[in-house]
Amino acid sequence: MKIKKNDIVTVISGKDKGKSGKVLKVFPKKQTVIVEKINFIKRHTRPTRKVQQGGILQKEAPIHISKVMLICNKCGKKTKVKIERHSGQPVRICKKCKEMIDAK
């Protein structure tokens, strides 16, 4: 996958279009990601022994990976990603500024 945990992404379609946030979790098999403060849902919960207080909780729901786009660290623009090999390791490269995203 071209998007990984802790990447900064922006939403390109849907109800949260234009918002950006950090990727909290990635689900490769379902091709979805959970992004911080994006795609909130309301979950109605009952009081139980673990959770004494019932009510309505808000949490982030997964969003499809095709609806988000990576923001480059160097140029700060939303960009597509190209994967190349450097010293045997796959590295993500920004297609706009040609800089490595995974540089360590």
N, C-alpha and C. Protein backbone atom coordinates (compact mmCIF):
# COMPACT_ATOMS: atom_id res chain seq x y z
N MET A 1 0.84 -1.19 0.00
CA MET A 1 0.00 0.00 0.00
C MET A 1 0.88 1.24 0.00
N LYS A 2 0.38 2.27 -0.61
CA LYS A 2 1.18 3.49 -0.74
C LYS A 2 0.95 4.47 0.40
N ILE A 3 -0.02 4.17 1.28
CA ILE A 3 -0.25 5.00 2.46
C ILE A 3 0.00 4.15 3.70
N LYS A 4 0.76 4.71 4.63
CA LYS A 4 1.14 3.97 5.83
C LYS A 4 0.70 4.73 7.08
N LYS A 5 0.83 4.07 8.23
CA LYS A 5 0.48 4.67 9.50
C LYS A 5 1.36 5.90 9.75
N ASN A 6 0.80 6.93 10.36
CA ASN A 6 1.45 8.21 10.70
C ASN A 6 1.70 9.12 9.50
N ASP A 7 1.19 8.78 8.32
CA ASP A 7 1.26 9.68 7.16
C ASP A 7 0.21 10.78 7.33
N ILE A 8 0.48 11.93 6.75
CA ILE A 8 -0.51 13.00 6.70
C ILE A 8 -1.21 12.92 5.35
N VAL A 9 -2.55 12.80 5.40
CA VAL A 9 -3.34 12.66 4.18
C VAL A 9 -4.44 13.71 4.15
N THR A 10 -4.98 13.95 2.95
CA THR A 10 -6.11 14.84 2.79
C THR A 10 -7.23 14.06 2.09
N VAL A 11 -8.48 14.38 2.42
CA VAL A 11 -9.62 13.70 1.82
C VAL A 11 -9.96 14.40 0.52
N ILE A 12 -10.12 13.62 -0.57
CA ILE A 12 -10.37 14.22 -1.88
C ILE A 12 -11.81 14.07 -2.34
N SER A 13 -12.63 13.27 -1.63
CA SER A 13 -14.04 13.17 -1.99
C SER A 13 -14.84 12.72 -0.78
N GLY A 14 -16.15 13.04 -0.81
CA GLY A 14 -17.02 12.65 0.28
C GLY A 14 -17.39 13.82 1.17
N LYS A 15 -18.02 13.51 2.31
CA LYS A 15 -18.53 14.57 3.19
C LYS A 15 -17.42 15.37 3.87
N ASP A 16 -16.22 14.79 4.01
CA ASP A 16 -15.11 15.48 4.66
C ASP A 16 -14.08 16.00 3.66
N LYS A 17 -14.50 16.26 2.43
CA LYS A 17 -13.59 16.70 1.38
C LYS A 17 -12.84 17.96 1.79
N GLY A 18 -11.51 17.95 1.59
CA GLY A 18 -10.69 19.11 1.91
C GLY A 18 -10.02 19.04 3.27
N LYS A 19 -10.52 18.19 4.16
CA LYS A 19 -9.92 18.08 5.50
C LYS A 19 -8.69 17.18 5.42
N SER A 20 -7.76 17.40 6.35
CA SER A 20 -6.57 16.56 6.39
C SER A 20 -6.31 16.10 7.82
N GLY A 21 -5.59 15.01 7.94
CA GLY A 21 -5.28 14.45 9.25
C GLY A 21 -4.24 13.35 9.16
N LYS A 22 -3.88 12.82 10.32
CA LYS A 22 -2.86 11.77 10.40
C LYS A 22 -3.52 10.40 10.35
N VAL A 23 -2.91 9.46 9.66
CA VAL A 23 -3.44 8.10 9.56
C VAL A 23 -3.15 7.37 10.87
N LEU A 24 -4.22 6.89 11.51
CA LEU A 24 -4.08 6.18 12.78
C LEU A 24 -3.91 4.68 12.58
N LYS A 25 -4.63 4.12 11.59
CA LYS A 25 -4.60 2.68 11.37
C LYS A 25 -4.87 2.38 9.91
N VAL A 26 -4.24 1.32 9.40
CA VAL A 26 -4.39 0.92 8.00
C VAL A 26 -4.87 -0.53 7.96
N PHE A 27 -5.87 -0.79 7.12
CA PHE A 27 -6.39 -2.14 6.92
C PHE A 27 -6.14 -2.54 5.46
N PRO A 28 -5.00 -3.21 5.16
CA PRO A 28 -4.65 -3.50 3.77
C PRO A 28 -5.64 -4.44 3.06
N LYS A 29 -6.18 -5.43 3.75
CA LYS A 29 -7.09 -6.37 3.09
C LYS A 29 -8.38 -5.69 2.65
N LYS A 30 -8.89 -4.77 3.45
CA LYS A 30 -10.12 -4.05 3.12
C LYS A 30 -9.84 -2.78 2.33
N GLN A 31 -8.58 -2.40 2.21
CA GLN A 31 -8.13 -1.17 1.55
C GLN A 31 -8.80 0.07 2.16
N THR A 32 -8.78 0.13 3.50
CA THR A 32 -9.33 1.28 4.20
C THR A 32 -8.32 1.81 5.20
N VAL A 33 -8.51 3.05 5.62
CA VAL A 33 -7.66 3.68 6.63
C VAL A 33 -8.54 4.43 7.62
N ILE A 34 -8.05 4.58 8.84
CA ILE A 34 -8.71 5.43 9.82
C ILE A 34 -7.86 6.67 9.97
N VAL A 35 -8.46 7.83 9.72
CA VAL A 35 -7.75 9.10 9.77
C VAL A 35 -8.26 9.90 10.95
N GLU A 36 -7.33 10.54 11.66
CA GLU A 36 -7.64 11.32 12.86
C GLU A 36 -8.60 12.47 12.53
N LYS A 37 -9.72 12.55 13.26
CA LYS A 37 -10.73 13.60 13.16
C LYS A 37 -11.43 13.66 11.80
N ILE A 38 -11.52 12.51 11.09
CA ILE A 38 -12.19 12.43 9.80
C ILE A 38 -13.20 11.29 9.85
N ASN A 39 -14.36 11.47 9.21
CA ASN A 39 -15.39 10.45 9.07
C ASN A 39 -15.92 9.96 10.42
N PHE A 40 -16.39 10.90 11.24
CA PHE A 40 -16.94 10.55 12.55
C PHE A 40 -18.28 9.85 12.40
N ILE A 41 -18.51 8.83 13.25
CA ILE A 41 -19.80 8.19 13.35
C ILE A 41 -20.24 8.25 14.80
N LYS A 42 -21.55 8.11 15.02
CA LYS A 42 -22.07 8.10 16.37
C LYS A 42 -22.45 6.68 16.74
N ARG A 43 -21.96 6.22 17.87
CA ARG A 43 -22.21 4.87 18.35
C ARG A 43 -23.03 4.96 19.63
N HIS A 44 -24.22 4.36 19.63
CA HIS A 44 -25.09 4.34 20.80
C HIS A 44 -24.70 3.16 21.67
N THR A 45 -24.39 3.41 22.94
CA THR A 45 -23.95 2.35 23.84
C THR A 45 -24.84 2.28 25.07
N ARG A 46 -25.01 1.06 25.57
CA ARG A 46 -25.78 0.85 26.79
C ARG A 46 -24.83 0.84 27.98
N PRO A 47 -25.33 1.14 29.15
CA PRO A 47 -24.49 1.00 30.35
C PRO A 47 -24.24 -0.49 30.63
N THR A 48 -22.98 -0.84 30.87
CA THR A 48 -22.62 -2.21 31.22
C THR A 48 -21.74 -2.18 32.46
N ARG A 49 -21.24 -3.33 32.85
CA ARG A 49 -20.36 -3.36 34.03
C ARG A 49 -19.03 -2.66 33.73
N LYS A 50 -18.54 -2.81 32.49
CA LYS A 50 -17.29 -2.15 32.12
C LYS A 50 -17.48 -0.65 31.94
N VAL A 51 -18.54 -0.30 31.20
CA VAL A 51 -18.83 1.11 30.92
C VAL A 51 -20.08 1.49 31.70
N GLN A 52 -19.88 2.17 32.82
CA GLN A 52 -21.00 2.52 33.69
C GLN A 52 -21.91 3.56 33.03
N GLN A 53 -21.31 4.45 32.25
CA GLN A 53 -22.06 5.52 31.62
C GLN A 53 -22.41 5.13 30.20
N GLY A 54 -23.69 5.00 29.89
CA GLY A 54 -24.11 4.75 28.52
C GLY A 54 -24.23 6.08 27.79
N GLY A 55 -24.60 6.05 26.54
CA GLY A 55 -24.80 7.30 25.81
C GLY A 55 -24.36 7.18 24.37
N ILE A 56 -24.10 8.31 23.77
CA ILE A 56 -23.70 8.37 22.37
C ILE A 56 -22.22 8.73 22.30
N LEU A 57 -21.43 7.84 21.71
CA LEU A 57 -20.00 8.07 21.55
C LEU A 57 -19.71 8.43 20.10
N GLN A 58 -18.76 9.31 19.90
CA GLN A 58 -18.31 9.64 18.55
C GLN A 58 -16.94 9.04 18.35
N LYS A 59 -16.74 8.37 17.21
CA LYS A 59 -15.42 7.83 16.89
C LYS A 59 -15.21 7.86 15.39
N GLU A 60 -13.94 7.71 14.99
CA GLU A 60 -13.60 7.72 13.58
C GLU A 60 -13.93 6.37 12.96
N ALA A 61 -14.50 6.38 11.77
CA ALA A 61 -14.79 5.17 11.03
C ALA A 61 -13.79 5.04 9.89
N PRO A 62 -13.58 3.83 9.38
CA PRO A 62 -12.66 3.67 8.25
C PRO A 62 -13.17 4.37 7.00
N ILE A 63 -12.24 4.85 6.19
CA ILE A 63 -12.55 5.49 4.93
C ILE A 63 -11.73 4.79 3.85
N HIS A 64 -12.30 4.63 2.65
CA HIS A 64 -11.60 3.90 1.60
C HIS A 64 -10.34 4.65 1.17
N ILE A 65 -9.33 3.87 0.83
CA ILE A 65 -8.03 4.45 0.52
C ILE A 65 -8.04 5.30 -0.75
N SER A 66 -9.02 5.04 -1.63
CA SER A 66 -9.10 5.83 -2.87
C SER A 66 -9.63 7.23 -2.61
N LYS A 67 -10.19 7.48 -1.44
CA LYS A 67 -10.73 8.80 -1.12
C LYS A 67 -9.73 9.70 -0.40
N VAL A 68 -8.53 9.20 -0.14
CA VAL A 68 -7.51 10.01 0.51
C VAL A 68 -6.27 10.10 -0.37
N MET A 69 -5.52 11.19 -0.19
CA MET A 69 -4.31 11.40 -0.97
C MET A 69 -3.20 11.87 -0.03
N LEU A 70 -2.01 11.35 -0.22
CA LEU A 70 -0.87 11.65 0.63
C LEU A 70 -0.40 13.09 0.45
N ILE A 71 0.00 13.72 1.55
CA ILE A 71 0.60 15.05 1.49
C ILE A 71 2.11 14.88 1.69
N CYS A 72 2.87 15.40 0.76
CA CYS A 72 4.34 15.27 0.78
C CYS A 72 4.91 16.10 1.94
N ASN A 73 5.92 15.54 2.60
CA ASN A 73 6.57 16.24 3.71
C ASN A 73 7.39 17.43 3.23
N LYS A 74 8.01 17.29 2.06
CA LYS A 74 8.92 18.33 1.56
C LYS A 74 8.17 19.51 0.94
N CYS A 75 7.29 19.21 -0.05
CA CYS A 75 6.64 20.30 -0.78
C CYS A 75 5.30 20.70 -0.18
N GLY A 76 4.71 19.86 0.67
CA GLY A 76 3.46 20.20 1.34
C GLY A 76 2.22 20.13 0.46
N LYS A 77 2.33 19.50 -0.71
CA LYS A 77 1.20 19.39 -1.62
C LYS A 77 0.69 17.95 -1.62
N LYS A 78 -0.60 17.79 -2.00
CA LYS A 78 -1.10 16.42 -2.14
C LYS A 78 -0.53 15.85 -3.43
N THR A 79 -0.09 14.60 -3.35
CA THR A 79 0.66 14.02 -4.45
C THR A 79 0.40 12.53 -4.60
N LYS A 80 0.69 12.03 -5.79
CA LYS A 80 0.71 10.60 -6.03
C LYS A 80 2.07 10.08 -5.60
N VAL A 81 2.15 8.77 -5.42
CA VAL A 81 3.38 8.17 -4.91
C VAL A 81 3.92 7.17 -5.92
N LYS A 82 5.22 7.20 -6.10
CA LYS A 82 5.91 6.26 -6.96
C LYS A 82 6.83 5.42 -6.07
N ILE A 83 6.87 4.11 -6.30
CA ILE A 83 7.71 3.25 -5.48
C ILE A 83 8.92 2.81 -6.30
N GLU A 84 10.12 3.09 -5.78
CA GLU A 84 11.38 2.69 -6.42
C GLU A 84 12.22 1.94 -5.40
N ARG A 85 13.25 1.29 -5.90
CA ARG A 85 14.15 0.57 -5.00
C ARG A 85 15.46 1.35 -4.86
N HIS A 86 15.85 1.59 -3.61
CA HIS A 86 17.13 2.21 -3.30
C HIS A 86 17.84 1.29 -2.33
N SER A 87 19.02 0.83 -2.72
CA SER A 87 19.82 -0.13 -1.95
C SER A 87 18.99 -1.35 -1.53
N GLY A 88 18.16 -1.83 -2.45
CA GLY A 88 17.39 -3.04 -2.21
C GLY A 88 16.09 -2.87 -1.45
N GLN A 89 15.83 -1.68 -0.93
CA GLN A 89 14.63 -1.42 -0.16
C GLN A 89 13.63 -0.60 -0.98
N PRO A 90 12.34 -0.95 -0.93
CA PRO A 90 11.35 -0.12 -1.62
C PRO A 90 11.16 1.21 -0.90
N VAL A 91 11.18 2.29 -1.66
CA VAL A 91 11.06 3.63 -1.09
C VAL A 91 9.97 4.39 -1.83
N ARG A 92 9.14 5.14 -1.10
CA ARG A 92 8.10 5.95 -1.73
C ARG A 92 8.68 7.29 -2.15
N ILE A 93 8.32 7.74 -3.35
CA ILE A 93 8.86 8.99 -3.89
C ILE A 93 7.70 9.87 -4.34
N CYS A 94 7.76 11.15 -3.98
CA CYS A 94 6.75 12.14 -4.38
C CYS A 94 6.90 12.40 -5.88
N LYS A 95 5.79 12.35 -6.61
CA LYS A 95 5.86 12.56 -8.06
C LYS A 95 5.99 14.03 -8.43
N LYS A 96 5.70 14.95 -7.49
CA LYS A 96 5.80 16.38 -7.81
C LYS A 96 7.20 16.92 -7.59
N CYS A 97 7.79 16.62 -6.41
CA CYS A 97 9.11 17.20 -6.11
C CYS A 97 10.25 16.18 -6.19
N LYS A 98 9.92 14.92 -6.52
CA LYS A 98 10.91 13.85 -6.71
C LYS A 98 11.74 13.55 -5.46
N GLU A 99 11.22 13.86 -4.27
CA GLU A 99 11.91 13.60 -3.02
C GLU A 99 11.41 12.31 -2.39
N MET A 100 12.28 11.65 -1.61
CA MET A 100 11.89 10.43 -0.91
C MET A 100 11.00 10.77 0.28
N ILE A 101 9.92 10.04 0.45
CA ILE A 101 9.01 10.26 1.57
C ILE A 101 9.47 9.44 2.77
N ASP A 102 10.03 8.25 2.52
CA ASP A 102 10.45 7.35 3.59
C ASP A 102 11.89 7.59 4.03
N ALA A 103 12.51 8.70 3.66
CA ALA A 103 13.90 8.95 4.02
C ALA A 103 14.09 8.92 5.52
N LYS A 104 15.09 8.16 5.97
CA LYS A 104 15.33 8.03 7.42
C LYS A 104 16.62 8.68 7.82
